[in-house]
C-alpha atoms as a PDB file:
ATOM      1  CA  UNK A   1       8.021   7.525   3.896  1.00  0.00           C
ATOM      2  CA  UNK A   2       5.738   4.774   4.905  1.00  0.00           C
ATOM      3  CA  UNK A   3       6.026   5.788   8.358  1.00  0.00           C
ATOM      4  CA  UNK A   4       4.339   8.899   7.506  1.00  0.00           C
ATOM      5  CA  UNK A   5       1.124   7.080   7.354  1.00  0.00           C
ATOM      6  CA  UNK A   6      -0.507   7.129  10.673  1.00  0.00           C
ATOM      7  CA  UNK A   7      -2.207   3.907  10.403  1.00  0.00           C
ATOM      8  CA  UNK A   8       0.790   2.047   8.795  1.00  0.00           C
ATOM      9  CA  UNK A   9       3.054   3.140  11.820  1.00  0.00           C
ATOM     10  CA  UNK A  10       0.719   2.131  14.312  1.00  0.00           C
ATOM     11  CA  UNK A  11      -0.401  -1.121  13.112  1.00  0.00           C
ATOM     12  CA  UNK A  12       1.922  -2.760  10.413  1.00  0.00           C
ATOM     13  CA  UNK A  13       3.774  -4.886  13.053  1.00  0.00           C
ATOM     14  CA  UNK A  14       0.606  -5.472  15.016  1.00  0.00           C
ATOM     15  CA  UNK A  15      -1.066  -6.889  11.995  1.00  0.00           C
ATOM     16  CA  UNK A  16       1.885  -8.964  11.315  1.00  0.00           C
ATOM     17  CA  UNK A  17       1.842  -8.210   7.283  1.00  0.00           C
ATOM     18  CA  UNK A  18       1.984  -5.007   4.979  1.00  0.00           C
ATOM     19  CA  UNK A  19       3.051  -4.697   1.527  1.00  0.00           C
ATOM     20  CA  UNK A  20       4.657  -1.734  -0.395  1.00  0.00           C
ATOM     21  CA  UNK A  21       4.591  -1.762  -3.914  1.00  0.00           C
ATOM     22  CA  UNK A  22       7.083   0.506  -6.071  1.00  0.00           C
ATOM     23  CA  UNK A  23       5.744   2.722  -8.525  1.00  0.00           C
ATOM     24  CA  UNK A  24       8.826   3.521 -10.710  1.00  0.00           C
ATOM     25  CA  UNK A  25       8.083   1.036 -13.181  1.00  0.00           C
ATOM     26  CA  UNK A  26       6.961   2.407 -16.492  1.00  0.00           C
ATOM     27  CA  UNK A  27       4.139  -0.276 -16.591  1.00  0.00           C
ATOM     28  CA  UNK A  28       2.921   0.609 -13.177  1.00  0.00           C
ATOM     29  CA  UNK A  29      -1.138   1.563 -13.536  1.00  0.00           C
ATOM     30  CA  UNK A  30      -1.915   2.927  -9.872  1.00  0.00           C
ATOM     31  CA  UNK A  31      -5.610   2.325 -10.708  1.00  0.00           C
ATOM     32  CA  UNK A  32      -5.403  -1.114 -11.808  1.00  0.00           C
ATOM     33  CA  UNK A  33      -3.226  -2.122  -8.571  1.00  0.00           C
ATOM     34  CA  UNK A  34      -5.580  -0.537  -6.552  1.00  0.00           C
ATOM     35  CA  UNK A  35      -8.105  -2.393  -8.041  1.00  0.00           C
ATOM     36  CA  UNK A  36      -6.273  -5.782  -7.883  1.00  0.00           C
ATOM     37  CA  UNK A  37      -5.251  -5.704  -4.140  1.00  0.00           C
ATOM     38  CA  UNK A  38      -9.060  -4.424  -3.457  1.00  0.00           C
ATOM     39  CA  UNK A  39     -10.323  -7.389  -5.148  1.00  0.00           C
ATOM     40  CA  UNK A  40      -7.758  -9.598  -3.176  1.00  0.00           C
ATOM     41  CA  UNK A  41      -9.552  -8.098   0.055  1.00  0.00           C
ATOM     42  CA  UNK A  42      -7.174  -5.368   0.855  1.00  0.00           C
ATOM     43  CA  UNK A  43      -8.326  -3.791   4.353  1.00  0.00           C
ATOM     44  CA  UNK A  44      -6.645  -0.571   3.139  1.00  0.00           C
ATOM     45  CA  UNK A  45      -4.360   0.845   0.104  1.00  0.00           C
ATOM     46  CA  UNK A  46      -2.858   3.980   0.878  1.00  0.00           C
ATOM     47  CA  UNK A  47      -0.452   6.099  -1.482  1.00  0.00           C
ATOM     48  CA  UNK A  48       2.609   7.120  -0.175  1.00  0.00           C
ATOM     49  CA  UNK A  49       4.358  10.186  -1.422  1.00  0.00           C
ATOM     50  CA  UNK A  50       8.343  10.401  -1.071  1.00  0.00           C
END
């Protein structure tokens, strides 16, 4: 599914780094995870639907 996101498919191998986080854990919190990644300086955070 990550390759369905246009920017990911175009840039993941060129930029040299990407991170995928599975949301199946019962303790997962989408908003907190997004805020954490943005606080680390993430250029972009995308939700991927299966």
